[in-house]
Protein backbone atom coordinates (compact mmCIF):
# COMPACT_ATOMS: atom_id res chain seq x y z
CA MET A 1 -0.11 -0.10 0.04
CA ALA A 2 1.39 3.39 -1.04
CA PHE A 3 1.08 6.40 1.38
CA ASN A 4 1.32 10.04 0.58
CA HIS A 5 4.27 11.10 2.55
CA ARG A 6 2.73 14.39 2.88
CA ASP A 7 0.28 12.90 5.42
CA GLU A 8 1.29 11.53 8.75
CA HIS A 9 0.63 7.78 8.95
CA VAL A 10 1.50 4.36 10.41
CA ASP A 11 3.03 1.55 8.31
CA ASP A 12 1.84 -1.69 9.52
CA HIS A 13 3.29 -4.26 7.10
CA MET A 14 7.10 -3.64 7.77
CA LEU A 15 9.80 -5.99 8.74
CA ILE A 16 13.13 -5.60 10.29
CA VAL A 17 15.51 -8.11 8.76
CA GLN A 18 18.48 -9.04 10.81
CA ALA A 19 21.57 -10.85 10.10
CA ASN A 20 24.68 -11.49 12.31
CA LEU A 21 27.95 -11.16 10.30
CA ASP A 22 31.26 -12.43 11.27
CA ASP A 23 34.33 -13.11 9.26
CA MET A 24 33.33 -10.43 6.88
CA ASN A 25 35.50 -7.30 5.68
CA PRO A 26 33.81 -4.40 7.09
CA GLU A 27 34.78 -2.37 3.95
CA TRP A 28 32.19 -4.51 2.06
CA MET A 29 29.27 -3.00 4.36
CA SER A 30 28.83 0.20 2.41
CA TYR A 31 28.37 -1.77 -0.72
CA LEU A 32 25.76 -4.03 0.93
CA MET A 33 24.02 -1.09 2.38
CA ASP A 34 23.84 0.70 -1.01
CA GLN A 35 22.52 -2.33 -2.65
CA LEU A 36 19.74 -2.74 0.11
CA PHE A 37 18.67 0.97 -0.31
CA ASP A 38 18.79 0.55 -4.01
CA VAL A 39 15.82 -1.98 -3.80
CA GLY A 40 13.81 0.18 -1.62
CA ALA A 41 14.94 -0.45 2.00
CA ASN A 42 13.59 2.41 4.20
CA ASP A 43 16.56 2.10 6.78
CA VAL A 44 19.82 0.13 6.90
CA TYR A 45 22.08 0.13 9.94
CA VAL A 46 24.66 -1.92 11.52
CA VAL A 47 25.50 -2.48 15.19
CA PRO A 48 28.60 -3.90 16.63
CA ILE A 49 28.18 -7.13 18.63
CA ILE A 50 30.01 -9.75 20.29
CA MET A 51 29.13 -13.26 19.04
CA LYS A 52 29.68 -16.59 20.57
CA ARG A 53 33.24 -17.42 21.78
CA GLY A 54 33.81 -13.81 22.01
CA ARG A 55 34.11 -13.12 18.28
CA PRO A 56 33.39 -9.60 17.26
CA GLY A 57 30.72 -9.21 14.60
CA LEU A 58 28.21 -7.01 13.15
CA MET A 59 24.36 -7.18 13.38
CA LEU A 60 22.87 -5.81 10.06
CA ASN A 61 19.32 -4.30 10.49
CA VAL A 62 17.17 -3.53 7.37
CA LEU A 63 13.78 -1.90 7.65
CA ILE A 64 11.72 -2.68 4.78
CA ASP A 65 7.96 -3.12 3.53
CA GLU A 66 7.36 -6.89 3.60
CA GLU A 67 6.66 -7.07 -0.15
CA LEU A 68 10.60 -6.56 -0.55
CA ILE A 69 11.61 -9.66 1.46
CA ALA A 70 12.70 -11.89 -1.60
CA GLN A 71 14.78 -9.09 -3.12
CA VAL A 72 16.34 -8.49 0.37
CA GLU A 73 17.14 -11.82 1.24
CA GLU A 74 18.77 -12.51 -2.04
CA ILE A 75 21.06 -9.38 -1.45
CA ILE A 76 21.90 -10.40 2.11
CA PHE A 77 22.74 -14.01 1.20
CA ARG A 78 24.83 -13.14 -2.01
CA GLU A 79 26.76 -10.10 -0.46
CA SER A 80 27.36 -11.04 3.28
CA THR A 81 28.67 -13.80 5.17
CA THR A 82 25.70 -14.71 7.05
CA LEU A 83 24.14 -18.21 7.31
CA GLY A 84 20.68 -16.90 8.58
CA ILE A 85 18.32 -14.24 8.76
CA ARG A 86 15.57 -13.15 11.48
CA TYR A 87 12.43 -11.26 10.73
CA LEU A 88 10.74 -8.98 13.29
CA HIS A 89 7.38 -7.50 12.39
CA ALA A 90 7.11 -3.74 12.89
CA SER A 91 4.83 -0.82 12.63
CA CYS A 92 6.34 2.59 11.76
CA HIS A 93 4.69 5.82 12.69
CA ARG A 94 5.76 8.50 9.98
CA LEU A 95 5.67 12.04 10.32
CA ALA A 96 4.13 14.07 7.49
CA ARG A 97 6.94 15.16 5.28
CA GLU A 98 7.57 18.15 2.89
CA PHE A 99 10.53 19.76 1.22
CA GLU A 100 11.12 23.43 1.59
CA ARG A 101 13.68 25.43 -0.39
CA VAL A 102 15.91 28.01 1.46
CA ASP A 103 17.84 30.83 -0.12
CA THR A 104 21.54 30.51 0.85
CA PRO A 105 24.78 32.16 -0.37
CA TRP A 106 25.22 29.05 -2.55
CA GLY A 107 21.84 29.21 -4.01
CA LEU A 108 18.54 27.33 -3.06
CA LEU A 109 19.07 24.41 -0.88
CA THR A 110 16.44 21.79 0.26
CA VAL A 111 15.33 21.22 3.80
CA LYS A 112 13.35 18.12 4.72
CA VAL A 113 10.50 18.98 7.14
CA GLY A 114 8.48 16.77 9.45
CA TYR A 115 5.17 17.51 10.86
CA HIS A 116 3.36 15.83 13.90
CA ASN A 117 -0.47 16.70 14.22
CA GLY A 118 0.03 19.33 11.68
CA LYS A 119 2.93 21.02 13.71
CA LEU A 120 6.51 21.44 12.53
CA VAL A 121 8.69 19.17 14.93
CA GLN A 122 11.64 18.29 12.76
CA PHE A 123 13.80 19.73 9.86
CA ALA A 124 17.06 18.81 8.44
CA PRO A 125 19.11 20.12 5.35
CA GLU A 126 19.30 17.65 2.55
CA PHE A 127 22.74 15.90 3.00
CA LYS A 128 23.68 15.33 -0.53
CA GLU A 129 23.13 19.03 -1.55
CA CYS A 130 25.02 20.34 1.36
CA GLU A 131 27.85 17.92 0.80
CA GLN A 132 28.32 19.11 -2.93
CA VAL A 133 28.24 22.68 -1.75
CA ALA A 134 30.98 22.07 0.83
CA LYS A 135 33.18 20.20 -1.96
CA SER A 136 32.57 22.58 -4.59
CA HIS A 137 33.41 25.77 -2.34
CA HIS A 138 36.06 24.00 -0.16
CA ILE A 139 34.30 24.85 3.03
CA PRO A 140 33.37 22.72 6.03
CA LEU A 141 30.09 20.70 5.74
CA LYS A 142 29.05 21.75 9.28
CA MET A 143 29.26 25.33 8.14
CA VAL A 144 26.83 24.65 5.31
CA TYR A 145 24.50 22.97 7.47
CA GLU A 146 24.52 25.69 10.18
CA GLU A 147 23.85 28.27 7.50
CA VAL A 148 21.05 26.13 5.97
CA ARG A 149 19.30 25.59 9.37
CA MET A 150 19.83 29.14 10.35
CA ARG A 151 18.16 30.46 7.18
CA PHE A 152 15.29 27.98 7.42
CA ASN A 153 14.69 29.25 10.84
CA GLN A 154 14.55 32.87 9.76
CA GLN A 155 12.17 31.89 6.94
CA MET A 156 9.74 30.16 9.26
CA GLN A 157 9.88 33.13 11.77
CA LYS A 158 9.21 35.48 8.97
CA ASN A 159 6.18 33.33 7.66
CA ALA A 160 4.74 33.08 11.21
CA GLN A 161 4.57 36.92 11.61
CA PRO A 162 1.32 38.42 10.97
CA GLU A 163 1.19 40.92 8.13
């Protein structure tokens, strides 16, 4: 079922797919994560763990719509060292999301905005845009983030003032 992400909603048909990984080169992890995002994973993250006999390992966690299970299984078994996968059913409460444009010294940049019960509760500059600005202008990424956040706050305050 497709949701309009401009509306706050709960996704009830989600899975958290977990796999414990040992004897795997950690450099391979970013490739594996990219593969999972490419097929539609909502989130992918890794947690360091200590496995049996004190072996260090990683726990791969992948949040997906349950319709993606076959594709995700194939990628995990092909690209990792795991011998098994766990599934946990999950529901995800998602904020309403919109994208706002903010004028900055480097041009218009995008801010992802989250609303709960119609009220603004979260916002964040789009990483890839900020990264590109930082690289192309040879400035710190944190400086770009701070500038975008400050300008978004100013824009929101200006819009909130009665005319």
